[in-house]
């Protein structure tokens, strides 16, 4: 089992070192300047952000992003799953497109375990993991996150775990549009 580098934020975790990071909203924690948290992510190599929160749910941080860093808001309702499979396909296609351009990507929601966990679980399925393997790997990766000491298992809800287990991999492999 490979050793992963420490994540740049305490409430984040590497899915693929220097390529794919997942966690909480960059402006979620009080006490550290929001701009500083964004700077830490950019310093760690993040060049694309996939924001799963809904408009107005958390402070907007786009004005902190330097030129050349992409931002995508692809909302999923809090404590839930995408309203349609097309939404998850859109998220996964955006993630794949950013990774293909050699951009390290940060996927986040508000707290980093429900919507983010669901998305990363589906992404792991897309990488060839069987349903239960994907959930198990998600939880192994999650242990890097400081929040795992109080929230030991992800994703947040049974509905979200079922979504990962039932994700139809072949449906997401349709050509990108």
C-alpha atoms as a PDB file:
ATOM      1  CA  UNK A   1       0.000   0.000   0.000  1.00  0.00           C
ATOM      2  CA  UNK A   2       1.501   3.339  -1.055  1.00  0.00           C
ATOM      3  CA  UNK A   3       2.161   6.090   1.462  1.00  0.00           C
ATOM      4  CA  UNK A   4       0.279   9.255   0.612  1.00  0.00           C
ATOM      5  CA  UNK A   5       1.718  12.739   1.176  1.00  0.00           C
ATOM      6  CA  UNK A   6      -0.055  14.828   3.809  1.00  0.00           C
ATOM      7  CA  UNK A   7      -3.018  16.750   2.407  1.00  0.00           C
ATOM      8  CA  UNK A   8      -2.688  20.557   2.244  1.00  0.00           C
ATOM      9  CA  UNK A   9      -5.781  21.102   4.417  1.00  0.00           C
ATOM     10  CA  UNK A  10      -6.543  19.057   7.537  1.00  0.00           C
ATOM     11  CA  UNK A  11     -10.033  18.263   6.262  1.00  0.00           C
ATOM     12  CA  UNK A  12      -8.945  17.002   2.851  1.00  0.00           C
ATOM     13  CA  UNK A  13      -7.489  13.770   1.485  1.00  0.00           C
ATOM     14  CA  UNK A  14      -5.529  12.663  -1.554  1.00  0.00           C
ATOM     15  CA  UNK A  15      -7.295  10.237  -3.845  1.00  0.00           C
ATOM     16  CA  UNK A  16      -4.320  10.303  -6.217  1.00  0.00           C
ATOM     17  CA  UNK A  17      -1.265  12.177  -4.894  1.00  0.00           C
ATOM     18  CA  UNK A  18      -0.645  15.480  -6.687  1.00  0.00           C
ATOM     19  CA  UNK A  19      -3.591  14.782  -9.047  1.00  0.00           C
ATOM     20  CA  UNK A  20      -6.873  14.408  -7.189  1.00  0.00           C
ATOM     21  CA  UNK A  21      -7.686  15.873  -3.783  1.00  0.00           C
ATOM     22  CA  UNK A  22     -11.073  15.794  -2.051  1.00  0.00           C
ATOM     23  CA  UNK A  23     -12.405  17.574   1.003  1.00  0.00           C
ATOM     24  CA  UNK A  24     -14.364  20.383   2.538  1.00  0.00           C
ATOM     25  CA  UNK A  25     -15.199  23.783   1.096  1.00  0.00           C
ATOM     26  CA  UNK A  26     -12.081  26.004   1.067  1.00  0.00           C
ATOM     27  CA  UNK A  27     -13.944  28.641   3.108  1.00  0.00           C
ATOM     28  CA  UNK A  28     -15.560  26.217   5.579  1.00  0.00           C
ATOM     29  CA  UNK A  29     -13.316  26.737   8.611  1.00  0.00           C
ATOM     30  CA  UNK A  30     -13.198  29.883  10.697  1.00  0.00           C
ATOM     31  CA  UNK A  31      -9.885  31.152  12.026  1.00  0.00           C
ATOM     32  CA  UNK A  32      -7.765  30.766   8.908  1.00  0.00           C
ATOM     33  CA  UNK A  33      -8.161  33.443   6.274  1.00  0.00           C
ATOM     34  CA  UNK A  34     -10.158  32.085   3.369  1.00  0.00           C
ATOM     35  CA  UNK A  35      -7.613  33.417   0.898  1.00  0.00           C
ATOM     36  CA  UNK A  36      -4.842  31.555   2.770  1.00  0.00           C
ATOM     37  CA  UNK A  37      -6.708  28.236   2.496  1.00  0.00           C
ATOM     38  CA  UNK A  38      -7.137  28.721  -1.255  1.00  0.00           C
ATOM     39  CA  UNK A  39      -3.426  29.622  -1.500  1.00  0.00           C
ATOM     40  CA  UNK A  40      -2.504  26.376   0.298  1.00  0.00           C
ATOM     41  CA  UNK A  41      -4.504  24.381  -2.258  1.00  0.00           C
ATOM     42  CA  UNK A  42      -2.938  26.213  -5.200  1.00  0.00           C
ATOM     43  CA  UNK A  43       0.535  25.774  -3.651  1.00  0.00           C
ATOM     44  CA  UNK A  44      -0.193  22.022  -3.490  1.00  0.00           C
ATOM     45  CA  UNK A  45      -0.666  22.106  -7.266  1.00  0.00           C
ATOM     46  CA  UNK A  46      -4.448  22.370  -7.525  1.00  0.00           C
ATOM     47  CA  UNK A  47      -5.352  23.909 -10.894  1.00  0.00           C
ATOM     48  CA  UNK A  48      -9.059  23.045 -11.030  1.00  0.00           C
ATOM     49  CA  UNK A  49     -11.828  23.171  -8.431  1.00  0.00           C
ATOM     50  CA  UNK A  50     -15.063  21.190  -8.668  1.00  0.00           C
ATOM     51  CA  UNK A  51     -17.544  22.750  -6.247  1.00  0.00           C
ATOM     52  CA  UNK A  52     -20.505  20.490  -5.414  1.00  0.00           C
ATOM     53  CA  UNK A  53     -22.258  23.047  -3.179  1.00  0.00           C
ATOM     54  CA  UNK A  54     -25.348  24.947  -4.216  1.00  0.00           C
ATOM     55  CA  UNK A  55     -25.224  28.659  -5.044  1.00  0.00           C
ATOM     56  CA  UNK A  56     -25.190  30.706  -1.810  1.00  0.00           C
ATOM     57  CA  UNK A  57     -24.527  27.706   0.445  1.00  0.00           C
ATOM     58  CA  UNK A  58     -20.953  28.796   1.239  1.00  0.00           C
ATOM     59  CA  UNK A  59     -18.874  31.929   0.569  1.00  0.00           C
ATOM     60  CA  UNK A  60     -17.701  32.391  -3.004  1.00  0.00           C
ATOM     61  CA  UNK A  61     -13.927  32.033  -3.309  1.00  0.00           C
ATOM     62  CA  UNK A  62     -13.463  32.398  -7.066  1.00  0.00           C
ATOM     63  CA  UNK A  63     -11.949  35.876  -6.632  1.00  0.00           C
ATOM     64  CA  UNK A  64      -9.056  34.245  -4.718  1.00  0.00           C
ATOM     65  CA  UNK A  65      -8.158  31.952  -7.640  1.00  0.00           C
ATOM     66  CA  UNK A  66      -5.168  32.991  -9.735  1.00  0.00           C
ATOM     67  CA  UNK A  67      -5.310  33.132 -13.505  1.00  0.00           C
ATOM     68  CA  UNK A  68      -5.116  29.695 -15.090  1.00  0.00           C
ATOM     69  CA  UNK A  69      -7.009  27.937 -12.295  1.00  0.00           C
ATOM     70  CA  UNK A  70     -10.395  26.599 -13.397  1.00  0.00           C
ATOM     71  CA  UNK A  71     -13.562  26.622 -11.313  1.00  0.00           C
ATOM     72  CA  UNK A  72     -16.643  24.467 -11.956  1.00  0.00           C
ATOM     73  CA  UNK A  73     -19.834  24.606  -9.875  1.00  0.00           C
ATOM     74  CA  UNK A  74     -21.667  21.312 -10.394  1.00  0.00           C
ATOM     75  CA  UNK A  75     -24.160  21.265  -7.531  1.00  0.00           C
ATOM     76  CA  UNK A  76     -25.612  18.264  -5.760  1.00  0.00           C
ATOM     77  CA  UNK A  77     -28.271  18.866  -3.056  1.00  0.00           C
ATOM     78  CA  UNK A  78     -26.831  18.679   0.481  1.00  0.00           C
ATOM     79  CA  UNK A  79     -27.253  15.297   2.248  1.00  0.00           C
ATOM     80  CA  UNK A  80     -28.384  13.785  -1.049  1.00  0.00           C
ATOM     81  CA  UNK A  81     -27.355  12.413  -4.447  1.00  0.00           C
ATOM     82  CA  UNK A  82     -27.541  13.962  -7.912  1.00  0.00           C
ATOM     83  CA  UNK A  83     -31.115  14.451  -9.099  1.00  0.00           C
ATOM     84  CA  UNK A  84     -30.276  12.607 -12.333  1.00  0.00           C
ATOM     85  CA  UNK A  85     -27.469  10.279 -13.457  1.00  0.00           C
ATOM     86  CA  UNK A  86     -26.635  12.918 -16.083  1.00  0.00           C
ATOM     87  CA  UNK A  87     -25.454  15.257 -13.316  1.00  0.00           C
ATOM     88  CA  UNK A  88     -22.951  12.703 -11.990  1.00  0.00           C
ATOM     89  CA  UNK A  89     -21.834  11.961 -15.563  1.00  0.00           C
ATOM     90  CA  UNK A  90     -21.257  15.704 -16.058  1.00  0.00           C
ATOM     91  CA  UNK A  91     -19.206  15.887 -12.852  1.00  0.00           C
ATOM     92  CA  UNK A  92     -17.113  12.838 -13.769  1.00  0.00           C
ATOM     93  CA  UNK A  93     -16.560  14.069 -17.332  1.00  0.00           C
ATOM     94  CA  UNK A  94     -15.431  17.459 -16.015  1.00  0.00           C
ATOM     95  CA  UNK A  95     -13.079  15.736 -13.575  1.00  0.00           C
ATOM     96  CA  UNK A  96     -11.659  13.517 -16.338  1.00  0.00           C
ATOM     97  CA  UNK A  97     -11.242  16.494 -18.688  1.00  0.00           C
ATOM     98  CA  UNK A  98      -9.284  18.447 -16.053  1.00  0.00           C
ATOM     99  CA  UNK A  99      -7.089  15.450 -15.238  1.00  0.00           C
ATOM    100  CA  UNK A 100      -6.377  14.959 -18.960  1.00  0.00           C
ATOM    101  CA  UNK A 101      -5.056  18.517 -19.171  1.00  0.00           C
ATOM    102  CA  UNK A 102      -2.672  17.567 -16.353  1.00  0.00           C
ATOM    103  CA  UNK A 103      -4.469  19.738 -13.830  1.00  0.00           C
ATOM    104  CA  UNK A 104      -4.546  18.614 -10.220  1.00  0.00           C
ATOM    105  CA  UNK A 105      -8.197  18.777  -9.156  1.00  0.00           C
ATOM    106  CA  UNK A 106      -9.865  19.579  -5.819  1.00  0.00           C
ATOM    107  CA  UNK A 107     -13.385  18.148  -5.461  1.00  0.00           C
ATOM    108  CA  UNK A 108     -15.351  19.538  -2.537  1.00  0.00           C
ATOM    109  CA  UNK A 109     -18.760  20.109  -1.010  1.00  0.00           C
ATOM    110  CA  UNK A 110     -19.375  21.826   2.333  1.00  0.00           C
ATOM    111  CA  UNK A 111     -17.991  19.345   4.878  1.00  0.00           C
ATOM    112  CA  UNK A 112     -16.307  17.002   2.413  1.00  0.00           C
ATOM    113  CA  UNK A 113     -17.877  13.646   3.238  1.00  0.00           C
ATOM    114  CA  UNK A 114     -21.368  13.336   1.740  1.00  0.00           C
ATOM    115  CA  UNK A 115     -21.519  14.759  -1.763  1.00  0.00           C
ATOM    116  CA  UNK A 116     -17.743  14.649  -2.121  1.00  0.00           C
ATOM    117  CA  UNK A 117     -17.589  11.041  -0.926  1.00  0.00           C
ATOM    118  CA  UNK A 118     -20.346  10.061  -3.339  1.00  0.00           C
ATOM    119  CA  UNK A 119     -18.521  11.694  -6.244  1.00  0.00           C
ATOM    120  CA  UNK A 120     -15.161  10.147  -5.371  1.00  0.00           C
ATOM    121  CA  UNK A 121     -16.825   6.752  -4.882  1.00  0.00           C
ATOM    122  CA  UNK A 122     -18.330   6.949  -8.383  1.00  0.00           C
ATOM    123  CA  UNK A 123     -14.964   8.097  -9.756  1.00  0.00           C
ATOM    124  CA  UNK A 124     -13.316   5.043  -8.152  1.00  0.00           C
ATOM    125  CA  UNK A 125     -15.943   2.859  -9.848  1.00  0.00           C
ATOM    126  CA  UNK A 126     -14.966   4.524 -13.140  1.00  0.00           C
ATOM    127  CA  UNK A 127     -11.354   3.529 -12.451  1.00  0.00           C
ATOM    128  CA  UNK A 128     -12.394  -0.131 -12.476  1.00  0.00           C
ATOM    129  CA  UNK A 129     -13.110  -0.862  -8.824  1.00  0.00           C
ATOM    130  CA  UNK A 130     -16.015  -3.182  -8.039  1.00  0.00           C
ATOM    131  CA  UNK A 131     -18.891  -1.607  -6.081  1.00  0.00           C
ATOM    132  CA  UNK A 132     -17.839  -2.720  -2.570  1.00  0.00           C
ATOM    133  CA  UNK A 133     -14.135  -2.196  -3.392  1.00  0.00           C
ATOM    134  CA  UNK A 134     -14.872   1.428  -4.321  1.00  0.00           C
ATOM    135  CA  UNK A 135     -16.608   2.114  -1.002  1.00  0.00           C
ATOM    136  CA  UNK A 136     -13.836   0.352   0.930  1.00  0.00           C
ATOM    137  CA  UNK A 137     -11.107   2.293  -0.925  1.00  0.00           C
ATOM    138  CA  UNK A 138     -12.991   5.553  -0.377  1.00  0.00           C
ATOM    139  CA  UNK A 139     -13.000   4.867   3.358  1.00  0.00           C
ATOM    140  CA  UNK A 140      -9.313   3.915   3.370  1.00  0.00           C
ATOM    141  CA  UNK A 141      -8.455   7.201   1.631  1.00  0.00           C
ATOM    142  CA  UNK A 142     -10.803   9.118   3.947  1.00  0.00           C
ATOM    143  CA  UNK A 143      -8.608   8.183   6.936  1.00  0.00           C
ATOM    144  CA  UNK A 144      -6.120  10.904   5.833  1.00  0.00           C
ATOM    145  CA  UNK A 145      -8.776  13.490   6.699  1.00  0.00           C
ATOM    146  CA  UNK A 146      -8.634  14.859  10.256  1.00  0.00           C
ATOM    147  CA  UNK A 147     -12.429  14.723  10.348  1.00  0.00           C
ATOM    148  CA  UNK A 148     -12.282  10.897  10.104  1.00  0.00           C
ATOM    149  CA  UNK A 149     -11.653  10.753  13.863  1.00  0.00           C
ATOM    150  CA  UNK A 150     -15.198  12.017  14.489  1.00  0.00           C
ATOM    151  CA  UNK A 151     -16.877  10.866  11.258  1.00  0.00           C
ATOM    152  CA  UNK A 152     -15.195   7.488  10.631  1.00  0.00           C
ATOM    153  CA  UNK A 153     -17.144   6.317   7.556  1.00  0.00           C
ATOM    154  CA  UNK A 154     -18.114   7.999   4.289  1.00  0.00           C
ATOM    155  CA  UNK A 155     -20.227   8.832   2.437  1.00  0.00           C
ATOM    156  CA  UNK A 156     -22.640  10.542   4.807  1.00  0.00           C
ATOM    157  CA  UNK A 157     -25.917   8.700   4.097  1.00  0.00           C
ATOM    158  CA  UNK A 158     -27.065   5.200   3.154  1.00  0.00           C
ATOM    159  CA  UNK A 159     -28.615   6.699   0.011  1.00  0.00           C
ATOM    160  CA  UNK A 160     -25.198   8.022  -1.028  1.00  0.00           C
ATOM    161  CA  UNK A 161     -23.504   4.667  -0.412  1.00  0.00           C
ATOM    162  CA  UNK A 162     -26.224   2.897  -2.441  1.00  0.00           C
ATOM    163  CA  UNK A 163     -25.639   5.411  -5.232  1.00  0.00           C
ATOM    164  CA  UNK A 164     -21.963   4.412  -5.413  1.00  0.00           C
ATOM    165  CA  UNK A 165     -22.771   0.697  -5.234  1.00  0.00           C
ATOM    166  CA  UNK A 166     -25.359   0.991  -8.016  1.00  0.00           C
ATOM    167  CA  UNK A 167     -23.433   3.416 -10.239  1.00  0.00           C
ATOM    168  CA  UNK A 168     -23.556   2.241 -13.853  1.00  0.00           C
ATOM    169  CA  UNK A 169     -19.978   2.650 -15.015  1.00  0.00           C
ATOM    170  CA  UNK A 170     -20.702   2.091 -18.701  1.00  0.00           C
ATOM    171  CA  UNK A 171     -23.209   4.963 -18.692  1.00  0.00           C
ATOM    172  CA  UNK A 172     -20.512   7.457 -17.718  1.00  0.00           C
ATOM    173  CA  UNK A 173     -18.145   6.279 -20.441  1.00  0.00           C
ATOM    174  CA  UNK A 174     -20.201   7.892 -23.185  1.00  0.00           C
ATOM    175  CA  UNK A 175     -18.092  10.257 -25.347  1.00  0.00           C
ATOM    176  CA  UNK A 176     -17.556  13.671 -23.766  1.00  0.00           C
ATOM    177  CA  UNK A 177     -19.618  16.385 -25.389  1.00  0.00           C
END
